[in-house]
Amino acid sequence: MADLTIDIIADPVCPWCYLGYTRLKAAMDHLGDDFRFDIHWLPFELHPEVPQTGVPRAEYLGKKFGGQEKLNEATHALQNVGVEAGIEFNFSDKDVVPNTKLAHQFISQASRMELATSMMTALFYAYFTKGENIGDVTVITRIAKEVGLQEDDIEDALSREAEILVEEKMDRLTSLNIQSVPTYIVNEKFLVQGAHPPETFAEILTDITKENDA
């Protein structure tokens, strides 16, 4: 039995993080019972400058991509890749790019109940498939309850202490020069970046296991 700890640095509004985890999960399922995985999620803000109320997606990302036409091209390409992974990326003119610090506070709180992966994947689905504003406290609270967090957990996730904890985690990642997501740290030693195909992830994890055993 090979034990692998994987720290996933991600943001729930990062489409490649959603794609990357979906492909990583396929690789883990393929590797089967010979491997045992311990998954942890670490916070990264893709758009830290976005206000708590969020900003219109088309306008905000249109500027980042250099125009609406280029954004549309990137969106269509992403949707095509998503289909291959079983992900339905839906976008509309009403979509909002949220600030995700609060979402990270809930993910961090969920980790205490071993529900972080459930929380993160629920946020991915809510944002990219259902088009919900996951920066809105009402939306996040509803998702948290659906995942299994209780009232006390939600209160803790909304606290200033939870915000400070997330800020400290992000500061630590900044000190490690983590500047893009998705990034994976395997066994606190091996750095893997990008949304690799499942077969590539499987090869990487197998090679890491062999190196550990060497």
Protein backbone atom coordinates (compact mmCIF):
# COMPACT_ATOMS: atom_id res chain seq x y z
CA MET A 1 0.00 0.00 0.00
CA ALA A 2 1.43 3.36 -1.09
CA ASP A 3 0.46 6.35 1.02
CA LEU A 4 0.42 9.71 -0.74
CA THR A 5 -0.49 13.06 0.78
CA ILE A 6 -1.55 15.60 -1.82
CA ASP A 7 -1.91 19.28 -0.93
CA ILE A 8 -4.00 20.92 -3.65
CA ILE A 9 -3.56 24.66 -4.01
CA ALA A 10 -6.63 25.96 -5.78
CA ASP A 11 -9.36 28.57 -6.07
CA PRO A 12 -13.02 27.56 -6.57
CA VAL A 13 -13.36 30.11 -9.40
CA CYS A 14 -10.41 28.63 -11.31
CA PRO A 15 -11.76 26.42 -14.14
CA TRP A 16 -8.44 24.63 -14.53
CA CYS A 17 -8.50 23.78 -10.83
CA TYR A 18 -11.90 22.13 -11.36
CA LEU A 19 -10.62 20.34 -14.43
CA GLY A 20 -7.37 19.41 -12.66
CA TYR A 21 -9.08 17.85 -9.67
CA THR A 22 -11.51 15.94 -11.89
CA ARG A 23 -8.58 14.49 -13.85
CA LEU A 24 -6.60 13.80 -10.67
CA LYS A 25 -9.62 11.97 -9.20
CA ALA A 26 -9.81 9.85 -12.36
CA ALA A 27 -6.12 9.00 -11.96
CA MET A 28 -6.59 8.07 -8.30
CA ASP A 29 -9.55 5.86 -9.16
CA HIS A 30 -7.47 4.20 -11.89
CA LEU A 31 -4.59 3.48 -9.49
CA GLY A 32 -7.04 1.69 -7.24
CA ASP A 33 -6.57 0.02 -3.88
CA ASP A 34 -2.78 -0.17 -4.08
CA PHE A 35 -2.68 3.53 -3.27
CA ARG A 36 -4.09 5.44 -0.32
CA PHE A 37 -4.56 9.19 -0.77
CA ASP A 38 -4.84 11.94 1.83
CA ILE A 39 -6.12 15.11 0.14
CA HIS A 40 -5.79 18.61 1.61
CA TRP A 41 -6.91 21.91 0.07
CA LEU A 42 -4.88 25.11 0.42
CA PRO A 43 -6.22 28.57 -0.46
CA PHE A 44 -5.27 30.72 -3.43
CA GLU A 45 -7.07 33.83 -4.64
CA LEU A 46 -7.05 34.08 -8.41
CA HIS A 47 -8.68 37.52 -8.29
CA PRO A 48 -7.85 39.02 -4.87
CA GLU A 49 -8.66 42.53 -6.08
CA VAL A 50 -12.32 41.70 -6.67
CA PRO A 51 -14.60 43.35 -4.06
CA GLN A 52 -16.77 41.23 -1.76
CA THR A 53 -19.84 42.05 -3.87
CA GLY A 54 -18.18 40.60 -6.98
CA VAL A 55 -17.91 42.00 -10.51
CA PRO A 56 -19.63 41.12 -13.83
CA ARG A 57 -17.76 38.20 -15.41
CA ALA A 58 -17.99 39.30 -19.03
CA GLU A 59 -16.69 42.80 -18.29
CA TYR A 60 -13.97 41.74 -15.84
CA LEU A 61 -12.57 38.77 -17.74
CA GLY A 62 -13.08 40.51 -21.08
CA LYS A 63 -10.48 43.07 -20.00
CA LYS A 64 -8.10 40.37 -18.76
CA PHE A 65 -8.35 38.39 -22.02
CA GLY A 66 -8.05 41.45 -24.24
CA GLY A 67 -11.63 41.71 -25.45
CA GLN A 68 -14.94 39.90 -25.53
CA GLU A 69 -14.07 37.96 -28.68
CA LYS A 70 -10.95 36.44 -27.13
CA LEU A 71 -12.86 35.67 -23.94
CA ASN A 72 -15.52 33.89 -26.01
CA GLU A 73 -12.85 31.83 -27.78
CA ALA A 74 -11.27 30.83 -24.46
CA THR A 75 -14.69 30.02 -23.02
CA HIS A 76 -15.63 27.75 -25.93
CA ALA A 77 -12.27 25.97 -25.75
CA LEU A 78 -12.75 25.44 -22.02
CA GLN A 79 -16.24 24.06 -22.54
CA ASN A 80 -14.94 21.56 -25.08
CA VAL A 81 -12.21 20.37 -22.72
CA GLY A 82 -14.78 20.17 -19.94
CA VAL A 83 -16.99 17.84 -21.95
CA GLU A 84 -14.11 15.39 -22.25
CA ALA A 85 -13.76 15.36 -18.45
CA GLY A 86 -17.48 15.19 -17.75
CA ILE A 87 -17.70 18.80 -16.59
CA GLU A 88 -20.46 21.11 -17.80
CA PHE A 89 -19.12 24.66 -17.94
CA ASN A 90 -22.04 27.07 -18.26
CA PHE A 91 -21.60 30.82 -18.62
CA SER A 92 -24.04 33.68 -19.15
CA ASP A 93 -24.06 37.48 -19.21
CA LYS A 94 -25.42 37.44 -15.66
CA ASP A 95 -22.41 35.63 -14.19
CA VAL A 96 -20.38 37.29 -11.45
CA VAL A 97 -16.71 36.82 -10.60
CA PRO A 98 -16.73 36.74 -6.79
CA ASN A 99 -14.14 37.40 -4.16
CA THR A 100 -13.33 33.92 -2.83
CA LYS A 101 -11.79 34.59 0.58
CA LEU A 102 -15.06 33.70 2.32
CA ALA A 103 -15.32 30.51 0.28
CA HIS A 104 -11.82 29.56 1.44
CA GLN A 105 -12.86 30.15 5.05
CA PHE A 106 -15.65 27.62 4.58
CA ILE A 107 -13.33 25.13 2.88
CA SER A 108 -10.87 25.46 5.76
CA GLN A 109 -13.64 24.92 8.28
CA ALA A 110 -14.95 21.94 6.31
CA SER A 111 -11.50 20.34 6.52
CA ARG A 112 -11.99 19.91 10.27
CA MET A 113 -14.83 17.49 9.52
CA GLU A 114 -12.98 15.91 6.60
CA LEU A 115 -15.48 17.58 4.27
CA ALA A 116 -13.11 19.92 2.44
CA THR A 117 -13.17 17.99 -0.83
CA SER A 118 -16.96 17.82 -0.72
CA MET A 119 -17.12 21.55 -0.04
CA MET A 120 -14.67 22.43 -2.81
CA THR A 121 -16.35 20.26 -5.43
CA ALA A 122 -19.76 21.62 -4.44
CA LEU A 123 -18.42 25.16 -4.92
CA PHE A 124 -16.94 24.23 -8.30
CA TYR A 125 -20.27 22.83 -9.44
CA ALA A 126 -22.30 25.74 -8.05
CA TYR A 127 -20.12 28.32 -9.78
CA PHE A 128 -19.26 26.71 -13.10
CA THR A 129 -22.35 24.63 -13.83
CA LYS A 130 -25.17 26.41 -11.99
CA GLY A 131 -23.77 29.94 -12.40
CA GLU A 132 -24.17 30.85 -8.72
CA ASN A 133 -22.32 33.65 -6.95
CA ILE A 134 -20.19 31.70 -4.47
CA GLY A 135 -19.00 34.93 -2.89
CA ASP A 136 -22.50 35.54 -1.52
CA VAL A 137 -22.81 34.47 2.11
CA THR A 138 -26.34 33.11 1.61
CA VAL A 139 -25.20 30.92 -1.28
CA ILE A 140 -22.11 29.66 0.55
CA THR A 141 -24.09 28.94 3.71
CA ARG A 142 -26.66 26.90 1.78
CA ILE A 143 -23.91 24.89 0.06
CA ALA A 144 -22.16 24.33 3.39
CA LYS A 145 -25.34 22.94 4.94
CA GLU A 146 -25.87 20.66 1.93
CA VAL A 147 -22.32 19.35 2.35
CA GLY A 148 -22.87 18.65 6.05
CA LEU A 149 -21.60 21.64 8.03
CA GLN A 150 -23.63 22.51 11.13
CA GLU A 151 -24.67 25.93 12.44
CA ASP A 152 -21.66 26.14 14.78
CA ASP A 153 -19.33 25.29 11.89
CA ILE A 154 -20.87 28.00 9.73
CA GLU A 155 -20.54 30.53 12.54
CA ASP A 156 -16.86 29.59 12.92
CA ALA A 157 -16.30 29.88 9.15
CA LEU A 158 -17.71 33.41 9.19
CA SER A 159 -15.50 34.52 12.09
CA ARG A 160 -12.56 36.88 11.99
CA GLU A 161 -10.41 34.04 13.30
CA ALA A 162 -11.23 31.97 10.20
CA GLU A 163 -10.36 34.91 7.98
CA ILE A 164 -6.99 35.35 9.71
CA LEU A 165 -6.23 31.63 9.34
CA VAL A 166 -6.90 31.75 5.58
CA GLU A 167 -4.76 34.88 5.23
CA GLU A 168 -1.89 33.16 7.07
CA LYS A 169 -2.14 30.12 4.79
CA MET A 170 -2.08 32.31 1.68
CA ASP A 171 0.88 34.28 3.01
CA ARG A 172 2.78 31.03 3.55
CA LEU A 173 2.12 29.94 -0.03
CA THR A 174 3.26 33.34 -1.27
CA SER A 175 6.51 32.84 0.64
CA LEU A 176 6.91 29.52 -1.22
CA ASN A 177 6.55 31.45 -4.49
CA ILE A 178 3.35 29.66 -5.52
CA GLN A 179 1.98 32.00 -8.17
CA SER A 180 -0.35 29.86 -10.26
CA VAL A 181 -3.00 27.20 -9.78
CA PRO A 182 -3.70 24.38 -9.79
CA THR A 183 -0.54 23.38 -7.95
CA TYR A 184 -0.10 20.07 -6.14
CA ILE A 185 2.44 19.27 -3.44
CA VAL A 186 2.86 15.51 -3.02
CA ASN A 187 4.23 14.20 0.28
CA GLU A 188 5.33 17.74 1.14
CA LYS A 189 8.19 17.35 -1.32
CA PHE A 190 7.19 16.98 -4.97
CA LEU A 191 5.67 19.96 -6.80
CA VAL A 192 3.29 19.34 -9.69
CA GLN A 193 1.59 22.14 -11.60
CA GLY A 194 -1.23 22.15 -14.12
CA ALA A 195 -4.36 20.19 -15.04
CA HIS A 196 -2.65 17.12 -16.49
CA PRO A 197 -4.58 14.32 -18.23
CA PRO A 198 -5.47 11.40 -15.91
CA GLU A 199 -2.87 9.09 -17.42
CA THR A 200 -0.15 11.70 -16.82
CA PHE A 201 -1.24 12.18 -13.21
CA ALA A 202 -1.18 8.39 -12.73
CA GLU A 203 2.37 8.20 -14.10
CA ILE A 204 3.53 11.07 -11.90
CA LEU A 205 2.05 9.54 -8.74
CA THR A 206 3.48 6.12 -9.58
CA ASP A 207 6.94 7.60 -10.19
CA ILE A 208 6.79 9.48 -6.88
CA THR A 209 5.90 6.26 -5.09
CA LYS A 210 8.83 4.46 -6.71
CA GLU A 211 11.20 7.27 -5.70
CA ASN A 212 9.93 7.13 -2.13
CA ASP A 213 10.55 3.39 -2.03
CA ALA A 214 14.01 3.65 -3.57
